[in-house]
Amino acid sequence: MKAIIEVGSKGTIFMAAREQLAQKNRGQAPDYRLSFESARTLFAELTPARLDLLNTLRSMGPASVYALAKTAGRNYSNVHADVARLVELGLIERTDDDMVTVPFDAVEIRMALAQTA
């Protein structure tokens, strides 16, 4: 399963829901979708440091926030704040034993370019 992150216009959510239903009907686990209203908002939320954390955590497997901060070579409080936001966005999950994990095999970022007349 992958996370698809996109800059979406009005109505995009309905196309995404339709695609998720089609995946479910084919017996596939539907991809996780996350939409932002602008590229500016997307990149404000998904900073390079947060994207690096996703990659590091995916390669580590389930880990504590402390272990993630140590492996990433970053300050614990900054990693803690980034993990909290990534949990809110649905890109990181917490386990029952308070470990964090990335449930996706891949993250795909999509941004359509403006159409020319």
PDB file of N, CA and C in Angstrom:
ATOM      1  N   MET A   1       0.852  -1.170   0.000  1.00  0.00           N
ATOM      2  CA  MET A   1       0.000   0.000   0.000  1.00  0.00           C
ATOM      3  C   MET A   1       0.897   1.231   0.000  1.00  0.00           C
ATOM      4  N   LYS A   2       0.441   2.258  -0.694  1.00  0.00           N
ATOM      5  CA  LYS A   2       1.220   3.491  -0.748  1.00  0.00           C
ATOM      6  C   LYS A   2       0.370   4.669  -0.308  1.00  0.00           C
ATOM      7  N   ALA A   3       1.055   5.744   0.054  1.00  0.00           N
ATOM      8  CA  ALA A   3       0.395   7.005   0.378  1.00  0.00           C
ATOM      9  C   ALA A   3       0.534   7.904  -0.841  1.00  0.00           C
ATOM     10  N   ILE A   4      -0.592   8.434  -1.303  1.00  0.00           N
ATOM     11  CA  ILE A   4      -0.587   9.364  -2.430  1.00  0.00           C
ATOM     12  C   ILE A   4      -0.912  10.739  -1.876  1.00  0.00           C
ATOM     13  N   ILE A   5       0.035  11.638  -2.016  1.00  0.00           N
ATOM     14  CA  ILE A   5      -0.109  12.998  -1.503  1.00  0.00           C
ATOM     15  C   ILE A   5      -0.191  13.908  -2.712  1.00  0.00           C
ATOM     16  N   GLU A   6      -1.209  14.754  -2.731  1.00  0.00           N
ATOM     17  CA  GLU A   6      -1.408  15.556  -3.932  1.00  0.00           C
ATOM     18  C   GLU A   6      -1.892  16.958  -3.616  1.00  0.00           C
ATOM     19  N   VAL A   7      -1.639  17.822  -4.572  1.00  0.00           N
ATOM     20  CA  VAL A   7      -2.230  19.146  -4.560  1.00  0.00           C
ATOM     21  C   VAL A   7      -3.503  18.984  -5.372  1.00  0.00           C
ATOM     22  N   GLY A   8      -4.630  19.175  -4.717  1.00  0.00           N
ATOM     23  CA  GLY A   8      -5.888  18.895  -5.387  1.00  0.00           C
ATOM     24  C   GLY A   8      -6.780  20.102  -5.516  1.00  0.00           C
ATOM     25  N   SER A   9      -7.501  20.114  -6.605  1.00  0.00           N
ATOM     26  CA  SER A   9      -8.498  21.152  -6.804  1.00  0.00           C
ATOM     27  C   SER A   9      -9.835  20.639  -6.305  1.00  0.00           C
ATOM     28  N   LYS A  10     -10.850  21.480  -6.358  1.00  0.00           N
ATOM     29  CA  LYS A  10     -12.173  21.053  -5.930  1.00  0.00           C
ATOM     30  C   LYS A  10     -12.607  19.854  -6.758  1.00  0.00           C
ATOM     31  N   GLY A  11     -13.220  18.890  -6.091  1.00  0.00           N
ATOM     32  CA  GLY A  11     -13.698  17.698  -6.779  1.00  0.00           C
ATOM     33  C   GLY A  11     -12.682  16.569  -6.796  1.00  0.00           C
ATOM     34  N   THR A  12     -11.426  16.854  -6.472  1.00  0.00           N
ATOM     35  CA  THR A  12     -10.397  15.823  -6.477  1.00  0.00           C
ATOM     36  C   THR A  12     -10.703  14.730  -5.466  1.00  0.00           C
ATOM     37  N   ILE A  13     -11.267  15.123  -4.343  1.00  0.00           N
ATOM     38  CA  ILE A  13     -11.566  14.150  -3.299  1.00  0.00           C
ATOM     39  C   ILE A  13     -12.565  13.096  -3.785  1.00  0.00           C
ATOM     40  N   PHE A  14     -13.486  13.497  -4.660  1.00  0.00           N
ATOM     41  CA  PHE A  14     -14.470  12.544  -5.175  1.00  0.00           C
ATOM     42  C   PHE A  14     -13.821  11.552  -6.133  1.00  0.00           C
ATOM     43  N   MET A  15     -12.885  12.029  -6.947  1.00  0.00           N
ATOM     44  CA  MET A  15     -12.157  11.115  -7.843  1.00  0.00           C
ATOM     45  C   MET A  15     -11.313  10.146  -7.028  1.00  0.00           C
ATOM     46  N   ALA A  16     -10.705  10.623  -5.964  1.00  0.00           N
ATOM     47  CA  ALA A  16      -9.889   9.765  -5.106  1.00  0.00           C
ATOM     48  C   ALA A  16     -10.744   8.714  -4.423  1.00  0.00           C
ATOM     49  N   ALA A  17     -11.918   9.108  -3.939  1.00  0.00           N
ATOM     50  CA  ALA A  17     -12.818   8.152  -3.287  1.00  0.00           C
ATOM     51  C   ALA A  17     -13.270   7.081  -4.272  1.00  0.00           C
ATOM     52  N   ARG A  18     -13.553   7.474  -5.491  1.00  0.00           N
ATOM     53  CA  ARG A  18     -13.957   6.526  -6.528  1.00  0.00           C
ATOM     54  C   ARG A  18     -12.840   5.515  -6.796  1.00  0.00           C
ATOM     55  N   GLU A  19     -11.603   5.996  -6.868  1.00  0.00           N
ATOM     56  CA  GLU A  19     -10.459   5.125  -7.110  1.00  0.00           C
ATOM     57  C   GLU A  19     -10.247   4.162  -5.941  1.00  0.00           C
ATOM     58  N   GLN A  20     -10.429   4.651  -4.712  1.00  0.00           N
ATOM     59  CA  GLN A  20     -10.279   3.794  -3.541  1.00  0.00           C
ATOM     60  C   GLN A  20     -11.339   2.699  -3.529  1.00  0.00           C
ATOM     61  N   LEU A  21     -12.570   3.027  -3.879  1.00  0.00           N
ATOM     62  CA  LEU A  21     -13.625   2.017  -3.951  1.00  0.00           C
ATOM     63  C   LEU A  21     -13.315   0.970  -5.011  1.00  0.00           C
ATOM     64  N   ALA A  22     -12.796   1.395  -6.140  1.00  0.00           N
ATOM     65  CA  ALA A  22     -12.437   0.457  -7.200  1.00  0.00           C
ATOM     66  C   ALA A  22     -11.341  -0.494  -6.726  1.00  0.00           C
ATOM     67  N   GLN A  23     -10.346   0.024  -6.012  1.00  0.00           N
ATOM     68  CA  GLN A  23      -9.278  -0.828  -5.471  1.00  0.00           C
ATOM     69  C   GLN A  23      -9.854  -1.837  -4.490  1.00  0.00           C
ATOM     70  N   LYS A  24     -10.742  -1.369  -3.635  1.00  0.00           N
ATOM     71  CA  LYS A  24     -11.351  -2.249  -2.638  1.00  0.00           C
ATOM     72  C   LYS A  24     -12.175  -3.336  -3.322  1.00  0.00           C
ATOM     73  N   ASN A  25     -12.918  -2.985  -4.362  1.00  0.00           N
ATOM     74  CA  ASN A  25     -13.725  -3.960  -5.094  1.00  0.00           C
ATOM     75  C   ASN A  25     -12.864  -4.993  -5.805  1.00  0.00           C
ATOM     76  N   ARG A  26     -11.635  -4.635  -6.178  1.00  0.00           N
ATOM     77  CA  ARG A  26     -10.719  -5.585  -6.811  1.00  0.00           C
ATOM     78  C   ARG A  26      -9.967  -6.418  -5.775  1.00  0.00           C
ATOM     79  N   GLY A  27     -10.293  -6.230  -4.497  1.00  0.00           N
ATOM     80  CA  GLY A  27      -9.634  -6.985  -3.439  1.00  0.00           C
ATOM     81  C   GLY A  27      -8.280  -6.441  -3.037  1.00  0.00           C
ATOM     82  N   GLN A  28      -7.968  -5.230  -3.456  1.00  0.00           N
ATOM     83  CA  GLN A  28      -6.698  -4.591  -3.102  1.00  0.00           C
ATOM     84  C   GLN A  28      -6.901  -3.673  -1.904  1.00  0.00           C
ATOM     85  N   ALA A  29      -5.846  -3.529  -1.114  1.00  0.00           N
ATOM     86  CA  ALA A  29      -5.897  -2.548  -0.038  1.00  0.00           C
ATOM     87  C   ALA A  29      -5.852  -1.163  -0.685  1.00  0.00           C
ATOM     88  N   PRO A  30      -6.829  -0.308  -0.387  1.00  0.00           N
ATOM     89  CA  PRO A  30      -6.830   1.014  -1.021  1.00  0.00           C
ATOM     90  C   PRO A  30      -5.646   1.852  -0.561  1.00  0.00           C
ATOM     91  N   ASP A  31      -5.118   2.637  -1.485  1.00  0.00           N
ATOM     92  CA  ASP A  31      -4.030   3.551  -1.151  1.00  0.00           C
ATOM     93  C   ASP A  31      -4.561   4.651  -0.235  1.00  0.00           C
ATOM     94  N   TYR A  32      -3.686   5.147   0.631  1.00  0.00           N
ATOM     95  CA  TYR A  32      -4.026   6.263   1.497  1.00  0.00           C
ATOM     96  C   TYR A  32      -3.857   7.541   0.690  1.00  0.00           C
ATOM     97  N   ARG A  33      -4.816   8.439   0.774  1.00  0.00           N
ATOM     98  CA  ARG A  33      -4.752   9.689   0.020  1.00  0.00           C
ATOM     99  C   ARG A  33      -4.791  10.873   0.973  1.00  0.00           C
ATOM    100  N   LEU A  34      -3.946  11.849   0.661  1.00  0.00           N
ATOM    101  CA  LEU A  34      -3.857  13.072   1.441  1.00  0.00           C
ATOM    102  C   LEU A  34      -3.756  14.218   0.453  1.00  0.00           C
ATOM    103  N   SER A  35      -4.670  15.185   0.559  1.00  0.00           N
ATOM    104  CA  SER A  35      -4.695  16.307  -0.387  1.00  0.00           C
ATOM    105  C   SER A  35      -4.440  17.625   0.327  1.00  0.00           C
ATOM    106  N   PHE A  36      -3.747  18.495  -0.365  1.00  0.00           N
ATOM    107  CA  PHE A  36      -3.491  19.853   0.106  1.00  0.00           C
ATOM    108  C   PHE A  36      -4.014  20.820  -0.943  1.00  0.00           C
ATOM    109  N   GLU A  37      -4.402  22.005  -0.519  1.00  0.00           N
ATOM    110  CA  GLU A  37      -4.994  22.970  -1.449  1.00  0.00           C
ATOM    111  C   GLU A  37      -3.957  23.692  -2.308  1.00  0.00           C
ATOM    112  N   SER A  38      -2.694  23.647  -1.886  1.00  0.00           N
ATOM    113  CA  SER A  38      -1.657  24.316  -2.678  1.00  0.00           C
ATOM    114  C   SER A  38      -0.320  23.632  -2.446  1.00  0.00           C
ATOM    115  N   ALA A  39       0.593  23.838  -3.374  1.00  0.00           N
ATOM    116  CA  ALA A  39       1.946  23.299  -3.228  1.00  0.00           C
ATOM    117  C   ALA A  39       2.632  23.925  -2.011  1.00  0.00           C
ATOM    118  N   ARG A  40       2.354  25.191  -1.773  1.00  0.00           N
ATOM    119  CA  ARG A  40       2.940  25.880  -0.623  1.00  0.00           C
ATOM    120  C   ARG A  40       2.548  25.187   0.682  1.00  0.00           C
ATOM    121  N   THR A  41       1.272  24.832   0.805  1.00  0.00           N
ATOM    122  CA  THR A  41       0.792  24.151   2.011  1.00  0.00           C
ATOM    123  C   THR A  41       1.397  22.752   2.117  1.00  0.00           C
ATOM    124  N   LEU A  42       1.424  22.030   1.004  1.00  0.00           N
ATOM    125  CA  LEU A  42       2.000  20.691   1.002  1.00  0.00           C
ATOM    126  C   LEU A  42       3.423  20.712   1.517  1.00  0.00           C
ATOM    127  N   PHE A  43       4.247  21.599   0.961  1.00  0.00           N
ATOM    128  CA  PHE A  43       5.653  21.617   1.342  1.00  0.00           C
ATOM    129  C   PHE A  43       5.907  22.292   2.693  1.00  0.00           C
ATOM    130  N   ALA A  44       4.942  23.039   3.195  1.00  0.00           N
ATOM    131  CA  ALA A  44       5.050  23.562   4.563  1.00  0.00           C
ATOM    132  C   ALA A  44       4.818  22.428   5.562  1.00  0.00           C
ATOM    133  N   GLU A  45       3.919  21.519   5.228  1.00  0.00           N
ATOM    134  CA  GLU A  45       3.616  20.377   6.107  1.00  0.00           C
ATOM    135  C   GLU A  45       4.616  19.237   5.939  1.00  0.00           C
ATOM    136  N   LEU A  46       4.990  18.959   4.702  1.00  0.00           N
ATOM    137  CA  LEU A  46       5.912  17.858   4.422  1.00  0.00           C
ATOM    138  C   LEU A  46       7.283  18.425   4.071  1.00  0.00           C
ATOM    139  N   THR A  47       7.953  18.882   5.093  1.00  0.00           N
ATOM    140  CA  THR A  47       9.282  19.472   4.926  1.00  0.00           C
ATOM    141  C   THR A  47      10.288  18.375   4.569  1.00  0.00           C
ATOM    142  N   PRO A  48      11.435  18.748   4.038  1.00  0.00           N
ATOM    143  CA  PRO A  48      12.466  17.738   3.779  1.00  0.00           C
ATOM    144  C   PRO A  48      12.811  16.917   5.030  1.00  0.00           C
ATOM    145  N   ALA A  49      12.856  17.556   6.191  1.00  0.00           N
ATOM    146  CA  ALA A  49      13.173  16.833   7.426  1.00  0.00           C
ATOM    147  C   ALA A  49      12.100  15.795   7.744  1.00  0.00           C
ATOM    148  N   ARG A  50      10.832  16.123   7.526  1.00  0.00           N
ATOM    149  CA  ARG A  50       9.755  15.173   7.785  1.00  0.00           C
ATOM    150  C   ARG A  50       9.767  14.031   6.776  1.00  0.00           C
ATOM    151  N   LEU A  51      10.045  14.341   5.525  1.00  0.00           N
ATOM    152  CA  LEU A  51      10.152  13.283   4.515  1.00  0.00           C
ATOM    153  C   LEU A  51      11.330  12.364   4.831  1.00  0.00           C
ATOM    154  N   ASP A  52      12.428  12.931   5.292  1.00  0.00           N
ATOM    155  CA  ASP A  52      13.574  12.109   5.707  1.00  0.00           C
ATOM    156  C   ASP A  52      13.205  11.205   6.877  1.00  0.00           C
ATOM    157  N   LEU A  53      12.418  11.735   7.821  1.00  0.00           N
ATOM    158  CA  LEU A  53      11.984  10.904   8.956  1.00  0.00           C
ATOM    159  C   LEU A  53      11.150   9.727   8.483  1.00  0.00           C
ATOM    160  N   LEU A  54      10.243   9.964   7.531  1.00  0.00           N
ATOM    161  CA  LEU A  54       9.436   8.866   6.991  1.00  0.00           C
ATOM    162  C   LEU A  54      10.334   7.781   6.413  1.00  0.00           C
ATOM    163  N   ASN A  55      11.316   8.188   5.648  1.00  0.00           N
ATOM    164  CA  ASN A  55      12.227   7.239   5.024  1.00  0.00           C
ATOM    165  C   ASN A  55      13.053   6.487   6.066  1.00  0.00           C
ATOM    166  N   THR A  56      13.582   7.206   7.039  1.00  0.00           N
ATOM    167  CA  THR A  56      14.382   6.587   8.093  1.00  0.00           C
ATOM    168  C   THR A  56      13.549   5.599   8.889  1.00  0.00           C
ATOM    169  N   LEU A  57      12.342   6.016   9.270  1.00  0.00           N
ATOM    170  CA  LEU A  57      11.482   5.147  10.064  1.00  0.00           C
ATOM    171  C   LEU A  57      11.056   3.919   9.271  1.00  0.00           C
ATOM    172  N   ARG A  58      10.770   4.086   7.996  1.00  0.00           N
ATOM    173  CA  ARG A  58      10.390   2.936   7.166  1.00  0.00           C
ATOM    174  C   ARG A  58      11.530   1.925   7.098  1.00  0.00           C
ATOM    175  N   SER A  59      12.768   2.416   6.989  1.00  0.00           N
ATOM    176  CA  SER A  59      13.907   1.490   6.911  1.00  0.00           C
ATOM    177  C   SER A  59      14.195   0.833   8.264  1.00  0.00           C
ATOM    178  N   MET A  60      13.879   1.512   9.365  1.00  0.00           N
ATOM    179  CA  MET A  60      14.108   0.972  10.707  1.00  0.00           C
ATOM    180  C   MET A  60      13.061  -0.061  11.107  1.00  0.00           C
ATOM    181  N   GLY A  61      11.838   0.170  10.678  1.00  0.00           N
ATOM    182  CA  GLY A  61      10.730  -0.610  11.219  1.00  0.00           C
ATOM    183  C   GLY A  61      10.226   0.082  12.474  1.00  0.00           C
ATOM    184  N   PRO A  62       9.254  -0.507  13.160  1.00  0.00           N
ATOM    185  CA  PRO A  62       8.701   0.132  14.360  1.00  0.00           C
ATOM    186  C   PRO A  62       9.802   0.509  15.359  1.00  0.00           C
ATOM    187  N   ALA A  63       9.706   1.725  15.881  1.00  0.00           N
ATOM    188  CA  ALA A  63      10.735   2.232  16.789  1.00  0.00           C
ATOM    189  C   ALA A  63      10.136   3.261  17.730  1.00  0.00           C
ATOM    190  N   SER A  64      10.859   3.537  18.788  1.00  0.00           N
ATOM    191  CA  SER A  64      10.462   4.625  19.679  1.00  0.00           C
ATOM    192  C   SER A  64      10.869   5.937  19.028  1.00  0.00           C
ATOM    193  N   VAL A  65      10.266   7.016  19.475  1.00  0.00           N
ATOM    194  CA  VAL A  65      10.630   8.337  18.946  1.00  0.00           C
ATOM    195  C   VAL A  65      12.087   8.634  19.302  1.00  0.00           C
ATOM    196  N   TYR A  66      12.500   8.213  20.481  1.00  0.00           N
ATOM    197  CA  TYR A  66      13.891   8.420  20.894  1.00  0.00           C
ATOM    198  C   TYR A  66      14.858   7.711  19.938  1.00  0.00           C
ATOM    199  N   ALA A  67      14.567   6.439  19.617  1.00  0.00           N
ATOM    200  CA  ALA A  67      15.435   5.681  18.708  1.00  0.00           C
ATOM    201  C   ALA A  67      15.437   6.308  17.313  1.00  0.00           C
ATOM    202  N   LEU A  68      14.283   6.797  16.883  1.00  0.00           N
ATOM    203  CA  LEU A  68      14.193   7.459  15.584  1.00  0.00           C
ATOM    204  C   LEU A  68      15.053   8.718  15.563  1.00  0.00           C
ATOM    205  N   ALA A  69      14.965   9.523  16.620  1.00  0.00           N
ATOM    206  CA  ALA A  69      15.764  10.756  16.700  1.00  0.00           C
ATOM    207  C   ALA A  69      17.252  10.432  16.686  1.00  0.00           C
ATOM    208  N   LYS A  70      17.630   9.400  17.419  1.00  0.00           N
ATOM    209  CA  LYS A  70      19.034   9.015  17.480  1.00  0.00           C
ATOM    210  C   LYS A  70      19.524   8.532  16.115  1.00  0.00           C
ATOM    211  N   THR A  71      18.742   7.686  15.444  1.00  0.00           N
ATOM    212  CA  THR A  71      19.132   7.172  14.126  1.00  0.00           C
ATOM    213  C   THR A  71      19.187   8.298  13.096  1.00  0.00           C
ATOM    214  N   ALA A  72      18.228   9.239  13.178  1.00  0.00           N
ATOM    215  CA  ALA A  72      18.189  10.351  12.228  1.00  0.00           C
ATOM    216  C   ALA A  72      19.240  11.420  12.542  1.00  0.00           C
ATOM    217  N   GLY A  73      19.831  11.356  13.736  1.00  0.00           N
ATOM    218  CA  GLY A  73      20.830  12.356  14.122  1.00  0.00           C
ATOM    219  C   GLY A  73      20.220  13.721  14.349  1.00  0.00           C
ATOM    220  N   ARG A  74      18.988  13.722  14.895  1.00  0.00           N
ATOM    221  CA  ARG A  74      18.276  14.982  15.117  1.00  0.00           C
ATOM    222  C   ARG A  74      17.907  15.126  16.581  1.00  0.00           C
ATOM    223  N   ASN A  75      17.593  16.346  16.964  1.00  0.00           N
ATOM    224  CA  ASN A  75      17.158  16.674  18.308  1.00  0.00           C
ATOM    225  C   ASN A  75      15.831  15.974  18.621  1.00  0.00           C
ATOM    226  N   TYR A  76      15.745  15.361  19.816  1.00  0.00           N
ATOM    227  CA  TYR A  76      14.555  14.597  20.185  1.00  0.00           C
ATOM    228  C   TYR A  76      13.283  15.446  20.143  1.00  0.00           C
ATOM    229  N   SER A  77      13.309  16.652  20.675  1.00  0.00           N
ATOM    230  CA  SER A  77      12.074  17.452  20.733  1.00  0.00           C
ATOM    231  C   SER A  77      11.583  17.831  19.332  1.00  0.00           C
ATOM    232  N   ASN A  78      12.513  18.089  18.415  1.00  0.00           N
ATOM    233  CA  ASN A  78      12.110  18.392  17.039  1.00  0.00           C
ATOM    234  C   ASN A  78      11.516  17.164  16.356  1.00  0.00           C
ATOM    235  N   VAL A  79      12.132  16.005  16.574  1.00  0.00           N
ATOM    236  CA  VAL A  79      11.605  14.767  16.000  1.00  0.00           C
ATOM    237  C   VAL A  79      10.241  14.450  16.606  1.00  0.00           C
ATOM    238  N   HIS A  80      10.104  14.647  17.902  1.00  0.00           N
ATOM    239  CA  HIS A  80       8.824  14.402  18.571  1.00  0.00           C
ATOM    240  C   HIS A  80       7.715  15.252  17.949  1.00  0.00           C
ATOM    241  N   ALA A  81       8.002  16.529  17.720  1.00  0.00           N
ATOM    242  CA  ALA A  81       7.013  17.426  17.110  1.00  0.00           C
ATOM    243  C   ALA A  81       6.701  16.998  15.678  1.00  0.00           C
ATOM    244  N   ASP A  82       7.723  16.623  14.916  1.00  0.00           N
ATOM    245  CA  ASP A  82       7.498  16.179  13.541  1.00  0.00           C
ATOM    246  C   ASP A  82       6.691  14.884  13.501  1.00  0.00           C
ATOM    247  N   VAL A  83       7.003  13.961  14.376  1.00  0.00           N
ATOM    248  CA  VAL A  83       6.259  12.698  14.435  1.00  0.00           C
ATOM    249  C   VAL A  83       4.799  12.967  14.800  1.00  0.00           C
ATOM    250  N   ALA A  84       4.567  13.849  15.760  1.00  0.00           N
ATOM    251  CA  ALA A  84       3.191  14.172  16.154  1.00  0.00           C
ATOM    252  C   ALA A  84       2.407  14.708  14.952  1.00  0.00           C
ATOM    253  N   ARG A  85       3.015  15.567  14.167  1.00  0.00           N
ATOM    254  CA  ARG A  85       2.320  16.117  12.992  1.00  0.00           C
ATOM    255  C   ARG A  85       2.113  15.049  11.923  1.00  0.00           C
ATOM    256  N   LEU A  86       3.093  14.195  11.711  1.00  0.00           N
ATOM    257  CA  LEU A  86       2.951  13.120  10.723  1.00  0.00           C
ATOM    258  C   LEU A  86       1.893  12.101  11.152  1.00  0.00           C
ATOM    259  N   VAL A  87       1.734  11.904  12.455  1.00  0.00           N
ATOM    260  CA  VAL A  87       0.647  11.056  12.953  1.00  0.00           C
ATOM    261  C   VAL A  87      -0.693  11.717  12.636  1.00  0.00           C
ATOM    262  N   GLU A  88      -0.804  13.021  12.896  1.00  0.00           N
ATOM    263  CA  GLU A  88      -2.034  13.759  12.588  1.00  0.00           C
ATOM    264  C   GLU A  88      -2.389  13.667  11.101  1.00  0.00           C
ATOM    265  N   LEU A  89      -1.377  13.695  10.249  1.00  0.00           N
ATOM    266  CA  LEU A  89      -1.599  13.623   8.803  1.00  0.00           C
ATOM    267  C   LEU A  89      -1.875  12.191   8.326  1.00  0.00           C
ATOM    268  N   GLY A  90      -1.675  11.218   9.208  1.00  0.00           N
ATOM    269  CA  GLY A  90      -1.940   9.821   8.853  1.00  0.00           C
ATOM    270  C   GLY A  90      -0.783   9.126   8.156  1.00  0.00           C
ATOM    271  N   LEU A  91       0.398   9.721   8.174  1.00  0.00           N
ATOM    272  CA  LEU A  91       1.544   9.125   7.494  1.00  0.00           C
ATOM    273  C   LEU A  91       2.395   8.257   8.407  1.00  0.00           C
ATOM    274  N   ILE A  92       2.216   8.408   9.703  1.00  0.00           N
ATOM    275  CA  ILE A  92       2.863   7.570  10.710  1.00  0.00           C
ATOM    276  C   ILE A  92       1.773   7.073  11.642  1.00  0.00           C
ATOM    277  N   GLU A  93       1.923   5.838  12.102  1.00  0.00           N
ATOM    278  CA  GLU A  93       0.976   5.268  13.062  1.00  0.00           C
ATOM    279  C   GLU A  93       1.701   4.929  14.353  1.00  0.00           C
ATOM    280  N   ARG A  94       0.952   5.007  15.451  1.00  0.00           N
ATOM    281  CA  ARG A  94       1.479   4.580  16.748  1.00  0.00           C
ATOM    282  C   ARG A  94       0.932   3.186  17.055  1.00  0.00           C
ATOM    283  N   THR A  95       1.796   2.329  17.575  1.00  0.00           N
ATOM    284  CA  THR A  95       1.369   0.984  17.967  1.00  0.00           C
ATOM    285  C   THR A  95       0.880   1.011  19.408  1.00  0.00           C
ATOM    286  N   ASP A  96       0.309  -0.093  19.848  1.00  0.00           N
ATOM    287  CA  ASP A  96      -0.202  -0.175  21.222  1.00  0.00           C
ATOM    288  C   ASP A  96       0.903   0.002  22.259  1.00  0.00           C
ATOM    289  N   ASP A  97       2.133  -0.389  21.913  1.00  0.00           N
ATOM    290  CA  ASP A  97       3.246  -0.244  22.861  1.00  0.00           C
ATOM    291  C   ASP A  97       4.017   1.065  22.655  1.00  0.00           C
ATOM    292  N   ASP A  98       3.352   2.066  22.049  1.00  0.00           N
ATOM    293  CA  ASP A  98       3.865   3.431  21.863  1.00  0.00           C
ATOM    294  C   ASP A  98       5.078   3.524  20.947  1.00  0.00           C
ATOM    295  N   MET A  99       5.187   2.572  20.019  1.00  0.00           N
ATOM    296  CA  MET A  99       6.200   2.670  18.977  1.00  0.00           C
ATOM    297  C   MET A  99       5.560   3.405  17.801  1.00  0.00           C
ATOM    298  N   VAL A 100       6.371   3.928  16.904  1.00  0.00           N
ATOM    299  CA  VAL A 100       5.848   4.567  15.708  1.00  0.00           C
ATOM    300  C   VAL A 100       6.309   3.761  14.496  1.00  0.00           C
ATOM    301  N   THR A 101       5.491   3.779  13.455  1.00  0.00           N
ATOM    302  CA  THR A 101       5.792   3.018  12.257  1.00  0.00           C
ATOM    303  C   THR A 101       5.184   3.692  11.033  1.00  0.00           C
ATOM    304  N   VAL A 102       5.771   3.420   9.882  1.00  0.00           N
ATOM    305  CA  VAL A 102       5.234   3.902   8.602  1.00  0.00           C
ATOM    306  C   VAL A 102       4.547   2.703   7.951  1.00  0.00           C
ATOM    307  N   PRO A 103       3.230   2.779   7.753  1.00  0.00           N
ATOM    308  CA  PRO A 103       2.503   1.627   7.217  1.00  0.00           C
ATOM    309  C   PRO A 103       2.524   1.514   5.689  1.00  0.00           C
ATOM    310  N   PHE A 104       3.294   2.360   5.023  1.00  0.00           N
ATOM    311  CA  PHE A 104       3.276   2.401   3.563  1.00  0.00           C
ATOM    312  C   PHE A 104       4.584   1.897   2.977  1.00  0.00           C
ATOM    313  N   ASP A 105       4.487   1.300   1.796  1.00  0.00           N
ATOM    314  CA  ASP A 105       5.674   0.866   1.061  1.00  0.00           C
ATOM    315  C   ASP A 105       6.304   2.033   0.320  1.00  0.00           C
ATOM    316  N   ALA A 106       5.478   3.013  -0.038  1.00  0.00           N
ATOM    317  CA  ALA A 106       5.949   4.145  -0.829  1.00  0.00           C
ATOM    318  C   ALA A 106       5.081   5.359  -0.556  1.00  0.00           C
ATOM    319  N   VAL A 107       5.645   6.525  -0.795  1.00  0.00           N
ATOM    320  CA  VAL A 107       4.918   7.782  -0.746  1.00  0.00           C
ATOM    321  C   VAL A 107       5.071   8.417  -2.119  1.00  0.00           C
ATOM    322  N   GLU A 108       3.948   8.762  -2.713  1.00  0.00           N
ATOM    323  CA  GLU A 108       3.948   9.363  -4.041  1.00  0.00           C
ATOM    324  C   GLU A 108       3.371  10.770  -3.920  1.00  0.00           C
ATOM    325  N   ILE A 109       4.115  11.766  -4.376  1.00  0.00           N
ATOM    326  CA  ILE A 109       3.647  13.155  -4.338  1.00  0.00           C
ATOM    327  C   ILE A 109       3.286  13.565  -5.758  1.00  0.00           C
ATOM    328  N   ARG A 110       2.043  14.024  -5.918  1.00  0.00           N
ATOM    329  CA  ARG A 110       1.545  14.421  -7.239  1.00  0.00           C
ATOM    330  C   ARG A 110       1.165  15.895  -7.230  1.00  0.00           C
ATOM    331  N   MET A 111       1.570  16.568  -8.281  1.00  0.00           N
ATOM    332  CA  MET A 111       1.189  17.963  -8.427  1.00  0.00           C
ATOM    333  C   MET A 111       1.023  18.250  -9.923  1.00  0.00           C
ATOM    334  N   ALA A 112      -0.193  18.518 -10.336  1.00  0.00           N
ATOM    335  CA  ALA A 112      -0.447  18.832 -11.734  1.00  0.00           C
ATOM    336  C   ALA A 112       0.073  20.239 -12.036  1.00  0.00           C
ATOM    337  N   LEU A 113       0.618  20.398 -13.204  1.00  0.00           N
ATOM    338  CA  LEU A 113       1.071  21.727 -13.636  1.00  0.00           C
ATOM    339  C   LEU A 113      -0.074  22.436 -14.344  1.00  0.00           C
ATOM    340  N   ALA A 114      -0.005  23.739 -14.379  1.00  0.00           N
ATOM    341  CA  ALA A 114      -1.068  24.539 -15.005  1.00  0.00           C
ATOM    342  C   ALA A 114      -1.177  24.192 -16.492  1.00  0.00           C
ATOM    343  N   GLN A 115      -2.399  24.192 -16.976  1.00  0.00           N
ATOM    344  CA  GLN A 115      -2.653  23.940 -18.392  1.00  0.00           C
ATOM    345  C   GLN A 115      -2.453  25.222 -19.180  1.00  0.00           C
ATOM    346  N   THR A 116      -1.888  25.107 -20.367  1.00  0.00           N
ATOM    347  CA  THR A 116      -1.737  26.278 -21.221  1.00  0.00           C
ATOM    348  C   THR A 116      -2.967  26.397 -22.117  1.00  0.00           C
ATOM    349  N   ALA A 117      -3.267  27.591 -22.485  1.00  0.00           N
ATOM    350  CA  ALA A 117      -4.483  27.829 -23.295  1.00  0.00           C
ATOM    351  C   ALA A 117      -4.300  27.463 -24.734  1.00  0.00           C
TER     352      ALA A 117
END
